[in-house]
Structure formats: C-alpha cells, structure tokens
Amino acid sequence: MNPDRDNYLRHLLALYCGLPHTAARRPFPADRRIAEQLFDRGISLEILEAAFLLAIARRTHRDPNAAPLAPIRSLAYFLPLIDEVLRQPPDPGYVSYLRSKLDQNVQISTDSPER
C-alpha cells in the first residue's frame, strides 16, 4: 500500500465521520471507495475541507422554519459540492470564516502533517 494514500484515506474518512449532520460514526465500504476515487482524482484535503464546510454551513444556517433534513448517510452527498468547489474555489478568507463560525460547535480541520 501507498503510505500517502493510506494517510489521505484515514484522514478524509475520519474528517467525514466527525462532521455534524452525518449518521456515520464509521465509514461504510462505499465511503472508502469514494475516498479512494477522490485520492485517485488528486482532490486535495483542502478542497474537501472547503466542500465539507460549505455543506455544513448551508445545512446549519438554513431557514429555521424549514423541515428538518435527514442525516447525511454517505460521502457521496458531498460529491456535487466538491465539484462546485473545484469549478469555483471559495476565497481562502471565506473558508477561514466558515471554519471559525463552525468551530464554535464542531471541529472541522485538515490539520495534518501530511497532506
């Protein structure tokens, strides 16, 4: 196995399972396959973090009168947001802002010595 790949997969899946609004506390085999595909596509952990932050911010700060959303049950939920971030990367300052706002309730970070 490739140590960089293993580190990437471990970090990505731990980040995903630690997100609020997710039902998974352990990744399913399908989540691991998606994570492997993301690695093979060369999607950086920074891009993934931005997509996760956008998704959680949108879910957290939606109309309070709207019906509750079902928990996120698959890493596949984030694929459209990952593509959105790839097409139009958010300003790094905005990502930092989202992280700081969401860090009040949850820790989302790609702080890892190996990316």
N, C-alpha and C. Protein backbone atom coordinates (compact mmCIF):
# COMPACT_ATOMS: atom_id res chain seq x y z
N MET A 1 0.84 -1.20 0.00
CA MET A 1 0.00 0.00 0.00
C MET A 1 0.88 1.25 0.00
N ASN A 2 0.31 2.30 -0.51
CA ASN A 2 0.96 3.60 -0.58
C ASN A 2 0.71 4.35 0.73
N PRO A 3 1.77 4.71 1.48
CA PRO A 3 1.56 5.41 2.76
C PRO A 3 0.83 6.74 2.60
N ASP A 4 1.10 7.47 1.51
CA ASP A 4 0.40 8.74 1.28
C ASP A 4 -1.09 8.49 1.07
N ARG A 5 -1.40 7.47 0.31
CA ARG A 5 -2.80 7.11 0.06
C ARG A 5 -3.48 6.70 1.36
N ASP A 6 -2.82 5.86 2.14
CA ASP A 6 -3.39 5.40 3.41
C ASP A 6 -3.64 6.58 4.35
N ASN A 7 -2.69 7.49 4.44
CA ASN A 7 -2.83 8.67 5.29
C ASN A 7 -4.00 9.53 4.82
N TYR A 8 -4.08 9.75 3.52
CA TYR A 8 -5.16 10.54 2.92
C TYR A 8 -6.52 9.91 3.26
N LEU A 9 -6.63 8.61 3.00
CA LEU A 9 -7.91 7.92 3.24
C LEU A 9 -8.28 7.96 4.72
N ARG A 10 -7.33 7.70 5.57
CA ARG A 10 -7.59 7.71 7.02
C ARG A 10 -8.06 9.10 7.46
N HIS A 11 -7.35 10.12 7.00
CA HIS A 11 -7.69 11.49 7.39
C HIS A 11 -9.05 11.91 6.84
N LEU A 12 -9.27 11.65 5.56
CA LEU A 12 -10.54 12.02 4.93
C LEU A 12 -11.72 11.32 5.60
N LEU A 13 -11.60 10.03 5.84
CA LEU A 13 -12.72 9.30 6.43
C LEU A 13 -12.97 9.70 7.88
N ALA A 14 -11.91 10.00 8.61
CA ALA A 14 -12.09 10.48 9.98
C ALA A 14 -12.76 11.85 9.98
N LEU A 15 -12.36 12.70 9.07
CA LEU A 15 -12.97 14.03 8.95
C LEU A 15 -14.46 13.90 8.62
N TYR A 16 -14.77 13.07 7.63
CA TYR A 16 -16.17 12.85 7.23
C TYR A 16 -17.00 12.30 8.39
N CYS A 17 -16.51 11.29 9.06
CA CYS A 17 -17.29 10.68 10.15
C CYS A 17 -17.44 11.60 11.35
N GLY A 18 -16.58 12.59 11.49
CA GLY A 18 -16.66 13.52 12.60
C GLY A 18 -17.53 14.73 12.33
N LEU A 19 -18.04 14.85 11.12
CA LEU A 19 -18.87 16.00 10.78
C LEU A 19 -20.23 15.95 11.48
N PRO A 20 -20.76 17.12 11.81
CA PRO A 20 -22.15 17.12 12.27
C PRO A 20 -23.06 16.79 11.09
N HIS A 21 -24.25 16.38 11.37
CA HIS A 21 -25.26 16.06 10.36
C HIS A 21 -24.97 14.74 9.64
N THR A 22 -23.93 14.01 10.04
CA THR A 22 -23.68 12.71 9.41
C THR A 22 -24.13 11.60 10.34
N ALA A 23 -24.65 10.55 9.74
CA ALA A 23 -25.11 9.41 10.52
C ALA A 23 -23.98 8.44 10.80
N ALA A 24 -22.92 8.49 9.97
CA ALA A 24 -21.84 7.52 10.07
C ALA A 24 -20.88 7.87 11.19
N ARG A 25 -20.60 6.94 12.04
CA ARG A 25 -19.55 7.11 13.03
C ARG A 25 -18.34 6.26 12.59
N ARG A 26 -18.60 5.38 11.66
CA ARG A 26 -17.55 4.61 11.00
C ARG A 26 -17.89 4.62 9.51
N PRO A 27 -16.87 4.71 8.66
CA PRO A 27 -17.18 4.75 7.22
C PRO A 27 -17.67 3.40 6.72
N PHE A 28 -18.59 3.46 5.80
CA PHE A 28 -19.07 2.27 5.13
C PHE A 28 -18.11 1.92 3.99
N PRO A 29 -18.14 0.69 3.49
CA PRO A 29 -17.26 0.33 2.36
C PRO A 29 -17.44 1.27 1.15
N ALA A 30 -18.66 1.69 0.89
CA ALA A 30 -18.89 2.61 -0.23
C ALA A 30 -18.20 3.95 0.00
N ASP A 31 -18.16 4.41 1.25
CA ASP A 31 -17.46 5.66 1.57
C ASP A 31 -15.96 5.51 1.31
N ARG A 32 -15.43 4.37 1.66
CA ARG A 32 -14.00 4.12 1.41
C ARG A 32 -13.71 4.12 -0.09
N ARG A 33 -14.59 3.51 -0.87
CA ARG A 33 -14.39 3.50 -2.33
C ARG A 33 -14.43 4.92 -2.89
N ILE A 34 -15.35 5.74 -2.40
CA ILE A 34 -15.43 7.14 -2.85
C ILE A 34 -14.16 7.88 -2.44
N ALA A 35 -13.68 7.65 -1.23
CA ALA A 35 -12.45 8.30 -0.76
C ALA A 35 -11.28 7.88 -1.66
N GLU A 36 -11.22 6.62 -2.03
CA GLU A 36 -10.16 6.16 -2.93
C GLU A 36 -10.25 6.85 -4.28
N GLN A 37 -11.47 7.02 -4.79
CA GLN A 37 -11.65 7.72 -6.06
C GLN A 37 -11.22 9.17 -5.96
N LEU A 38 -11.51 9.81 -4.83
CA LEU A 38 -11.10 11.20 -4.64
C LEU A 38 -9.58 11.31 -4.61
N PHE A 39 -8.92 10.35 -3.96
CA PHE A 39 -7.46 10.34 -3.96
C PHE A 39 -6.94 10.16 -5.38
N ASP A 40 -7.53 9.20 -6.10
CA ASP A 40 -7.09 8.93 -7.48
C ASP A 40 -7.31 10.14 -8.39
N ARG A 41 -8.33 10.92 -8.11
CA ARG A 41 -8.58 12.15 -8.89
C ARG A 41 -7.65 13.28 -8.49
N GLY A 42 -6.93 13.11 -7.40
CA GLY A 42 -6.00 14.15 -6.94
C GLY A 42 -6.67 15.29 -6.22
N ILE A 43 -7.84 15.03 -5.63
CA ILE A 43 -8.57 16.06 -4.90
C ILE A 43 -7.87 16.28 -3.55
N SER A 44 -7.42 17.50 -3.32
CA SER A 44 -6.68 17.79 -2.08
C SER A 44 -7.62 17.79 -0.87
N LEU A 45 -7.02 17.57 0.28
CA LEU A 45 -7.78 17.64 1.52
C LEU A 45 -8.32 19.05 1.76
N GLU A 46 -7.62 20.06 1.27
CA GLU A 46 -8.10 21.44 1.41
C GLU A 46 -9.40 21.65 0.63
N ILE A 47 -9.47 21.09 -0.57
CA ILE A 47 -10.71 21.18 -1.37
C ILE A 47 -11.83 20.45 -0.66
N LEU A 48 -11.53 19.28 -0.13
CA LEU A 48 -12.54 18.51 0.59
C LEU A 48 -13.03 19.25 1.83
N GLU A 49 -12.10 19.85 2.56
CA GLU A 49 -12.50 20.61 3.74
C GLU A 49 -13.43 21.76 3.34
N ALA A 50 -13.09 22.47 2.28
CA ALA A 50 -13.93 23.59 1.83
C ALA A 50 -15.33 23.09 1.48
N ALA A 51 -15.41 21.97 0.78
CA ALA A 51 -16.72 21.41 0.42
C ALA A 51 -17.50 21.00 1.67
N PHE A 52 -16.83 20.36 2.62
CA PHE A 52 -17.48 19.96 3.86
C PHE A 52 -17.98 21.19 4.62
N LEU A 53 -17.14 22.20 4.72
CA LEU A 53 -17.53 23.42 5.43
C LEU A 53 -18.74 24.09 4.78
N LEU A 54 -18.73 24.18 3.46
CA LEU A 54 -19.87 24.78 2.76
C LEU A 54 -21.15 23.99 3.01
N ALA A 55 -21.05 22.67 2.92
CA ALA A 55 -22.23 21.84 3.13
C ALA A 55 -22.78 21.99 4.54
N ILE A 56 -21.91 21.91 5.52
CA ILE A 56 -22.37 22.00 6.91
C ILE A 56 -22.90 23.41 7.21
N ALA A 57 -22.25 24.43 6.67
CA ALA A 57 -22.75 25.80 6.87
C ALA A 57 -24.13 25.97 6.25
N ARG A 58 -24.33 25.44 5.06
CA ARG A 58 -25.63 25.55 4.40
C ARG A 58 -26.71 24.81 5.18
N ARG A 59 -26.35 23.65 5.70
CA ARG A 59 -27.33 22.88 6.48
C ARG A 59 -27.63 23.56 7.82
N THR A 60 -26.60 24.11 8.44
CA THR A 60 -26.73 24.71 9.76
C THR A 60 -27.49 26.03 9.72
N HIS A 61 -27.25 26.82 8.70
CA HIS A 61 -27.80 28.18 8.63
C HIS A 61 -28.91 28.31 7.60
N ARG A 62 -29.76 27.32 7.54
CA ARG A 62 -30.91 27.37 6.64
C ARG A 62 -32.12 27.90 7.38
N ASP A 63 -33.18 28.11 6.66
CA ASP A 63 -34.40 28.66 7.24
C ASP A 63 -34.84 27.80 8.43
N PRO A 64 -34.96 28.41 9.61
CA PRO A 64 -35.33 27.62 10.79
C PRO A 64 -36.75 27.06 10.71
N ASN A 65 -37.57 27.62 9.83
CA ASN A 65 -38.94 27.11 9.67
C ASN A 65 -39.02 25.97 8.66
N ALA A 66 -37.94 25.69 7.97
CA ALA A 66 -37.93 24.59 7.00
C ALA A 66 -37.96 23.25 7.74
N ALA A 67 -38.46 22.26 7.06
CA ALA A 67 -38.50 20.91 7.63
C ALA A 67 -37.07 20.43 7.90
N PRO A 68 -36.88 19.66 8.96
CA PRO A 68 -35.53 19.16 9.25
C PRO A 68 -35.01 18.27 8.12
N LEU A 69 -33.72 18.33 7.92
CA LEU A 69 -33.08 17.49 6.91
C LEU A 69 -32.69 16.16 7.52
N ALA A 70 -32.73 15.12 6.70
CA ALA A 70 -32.27 13.81 7.15
C ALA A 70 -30.76 13.85 7.32
N PRO A 71 -30.22 13.01 8.18
CA PRO A 71 -28.76 12.96 8.35
C PRO A 71 -28.07 12.57 7.03
N ILE A 72 -26.85 13.00 6.89
CA ILE A 72 -26.03 12.62 5.74
C ILE A 72 -25.58 11.19 5.97
N ARG A 73 -25.84 10.32 5.02
CA ARG A 73 -25.56 8.90 5.20
C ARG A 73 -24.44 8.37 4.32
N SER A 74 -23.89 9.25 3.48
CA SER A 74 -22.84 8.79 2.58
C SER A 74 -21.92 9.94 2.20
N LEU A 75 -20.68 9.61 1.99
CA LEU A 75 -19.71 10.58 1.49
C LEU A 75 -20.14 11.08 0.11
N ALA A 76 -20.94 10.30 -0.59
CA ALA A 76 -21.44 10.69 -1.92
C ALA A 76 -22.26 11.99 -1.86
N TYR A 77 -22.85 12.28 -0.72
CA TYR A 77 -23.61 13.53 -0.54
C TYR A 77 -22.77 14.74 -0.91
N PHE A 78 -21.47 14.68 -0.64
CA PHE A 78 -20.59 15.83 -0.83
C PHE A 78 -20.04 15.95 -2.25
N LEU A 79 -20.23 14.94 -3.10
CA LEU A 79 -19.64 14.98 -4.43
C LEU A 79 -20.05 16.21 -5.25
N PRO A 80 -21.33 16.60 -5.28
CA PRO A 80 -21.66 17.82 -6.02
C PRO A 80 -20.98 19.07 -5.46
N LEU A 81 -20.84 19.14 -4.15
CA LEU A 81 -20.16 20.29 -3.54
C LEU A 81 -18.66 20.28 -3.85
N ILE A 82 -18.08 19.10 -3.90
CA ILE A 82 -16.66 19.00 -4.26
C ILE A 82 -16.47 19.52 -5.68
N ASP A 83 -17.36 19.11 -6.59
CA ASP A 83 -17.28 19.60 -7.97
C ASP A 83 -17.50 21.11 -8.03
N GLU A 84 -18.43 21.62 -7.22
CA GLU A 84 -18.66 23.06 -7.17
C GLU A 84 -17.41 23.81 -6.72
N VAL A 85 -16.75 23.30 -5.68
CA VAL A 85 -15.54 23.94 -5.17
C VAL A 85 -14.40 23.85 -6.20
N LEU A 86 -14.34 22.76 -6.93
CA LEU A 86 -13.32 22.64 -7.98
C LEU A 86 -13.56 23.64 -9.10
N ARG A 87 -14.82 23.82 -9.47
CA ARG A 87 -15.17 24.77 -10.55
C ARG A 87 -14.95 26.21 -10.11
N GLN A 88 -15.33 26.49 -8.88
CA GLN A 88 -15.27 27.87 -8.39
C GLN A 88 -14.79 27.84 -6.94
N PRO A 89 -13.47 27.78 -6.74
CA PRO A 89 -12.95 27.71 -5.37
C PRO A 89 -13.33 28.95 -4.57
N PRO A 90 -13.80 28.74 -3.34
CA PRO A 90 -14.12 29.89 -2.49
C PRO A 90 -12.84 30.61 -2.06
N ASP A 91 -12.98 31.86 -1.76
CA ASP A 91 -11.86 32.65 -1.26
C ASP A 91 -11.34 32.00 0.03
N PRO A 92 -10.03 31.86 0.18
CA PRO A 92 -9.49 31.25 1.42
C PRO A 92 -9.95 31.97 2.68
N GLY A 93 -10.14 33.27 2.60
CA GLY A 93 -10.64 34.01 3.75
C GLY A 93 -12.05 33.59 4.13
N TYR A 94 -12.86 33.29 3.12
CA TYR A 94 -14.23 32.83 3.38
C TYR A 94 -14.21 31.44 4.03
N VAL A 95 -13.32 30.58 3.55
CA VAL A 95 -13.20 29.24 4.15
C VAL A 95 -12.77 29.37 5.61
N SER A 96 -11.82 30.27 5.88
CA SER A 96 -11.40 30.51 7.27
C SER A 96 -12.55 31.03 8.12
N TYR A 97 -13.34 31.93 7.53
CA TYR A 97 -14.50 32.47 8.23
C TYR A 97 -15.49 31.35 8.57
N LEU A 98 -15.79 30.50 7.58
CA LEU A 98 -16.71 29.38 7.84
C LEU A 98 -16.15 28.47 8.93
N ARG A 99 -14.86 28.19 8.85
CA ARG A 99 -14.24 27.32 9.85
C ARG A 99 -14.38 27.93 11.23
N SER A 100 -14.13 29.23 11.35
CA SER A 100 -14.22 29.87 12.67
C SER A 100 -15.65 29.87 13.19
N LYS A 101 -16.61 30.10 12.31
CA LYS A 101 -18.02 30.08 12.73
C LYS A 101 -18.45 28.69 13.15
N LEU A 102 -18.06 27.70 12.38
CA LEU A 102 -18.48 26.34 12.68
C LEU A 102 -17.66 25.72 13.79
N ASP A 103 -16.42 26.19 14.00
CA ASP A 103 -15.59 25.66 15.08
C ASP A 103 -16.20 25.92 16.44
N GLN A 104 -17.10 26.88 16.52
CA GLN A 104 -17.77 27.14 17.79
C GLN A 104 -18.59 25.93 18.22
N ASN A 105 -19.04 25.15 17.23
CA ASN A 105 -19.88 23.99 17.52
C ASN A 105 -19.21 22.66 17.20
N VAL A 106 -18.27 22.69 16.27
CA VAL A 106 -17.67 21.43 15.82
C VAL A 106 -16.27 21.71 15.30
N GLN A 107 -15.40 20.75 15.44
CA GLN A 107 -14.04 20.88 14.93
C GLN A 107 -13.98 20.28 13.53
N ILE A 108 -13.73 21.12 12.54
CA ILE A 108 -13.53 20.66 11.17
C ILE A 108 -12.19 21.22 10.74
N SER A 109 -11.24 20.34 10.49
CA SER A 109 -9.93 20.83 10.10
C SER A 109 -9.14 19.73 9.41
N THR A 110 -8.35 20.13 8.43
CA THR A 110 -7.46 19.19 7.77
C THR A 110 -6.07 19.32 8.35
N ASP A 111 -5.94 19.84 9.57
CA ASP A 111 -4.62 19.96 10.17
C ASP A 111 -3.98 18.59 10.24
N SER A 112 -3.06 18.38 9.36
CA SER A 112 -2.37 17.10 9.28
C SER A 112 -0.96 17.37 8.78
N PRO A 113 0.03 16.72 9.34
CA PRO A 113 1.38 16.97 8.87
C PRO A 113 1.58 16.51 7.44
N GLU A 114 0.81 15.52 7.00
CA GLU A 114 0.95 15.01 5.64
C GLU A 114 -0.33 15.23 4.91
N ARG A 115 -0.28 15.97 3.80
CA ARG A 115 -1.49 16.21 3.01
C ARG A 115 -1.33 15.60 1.66
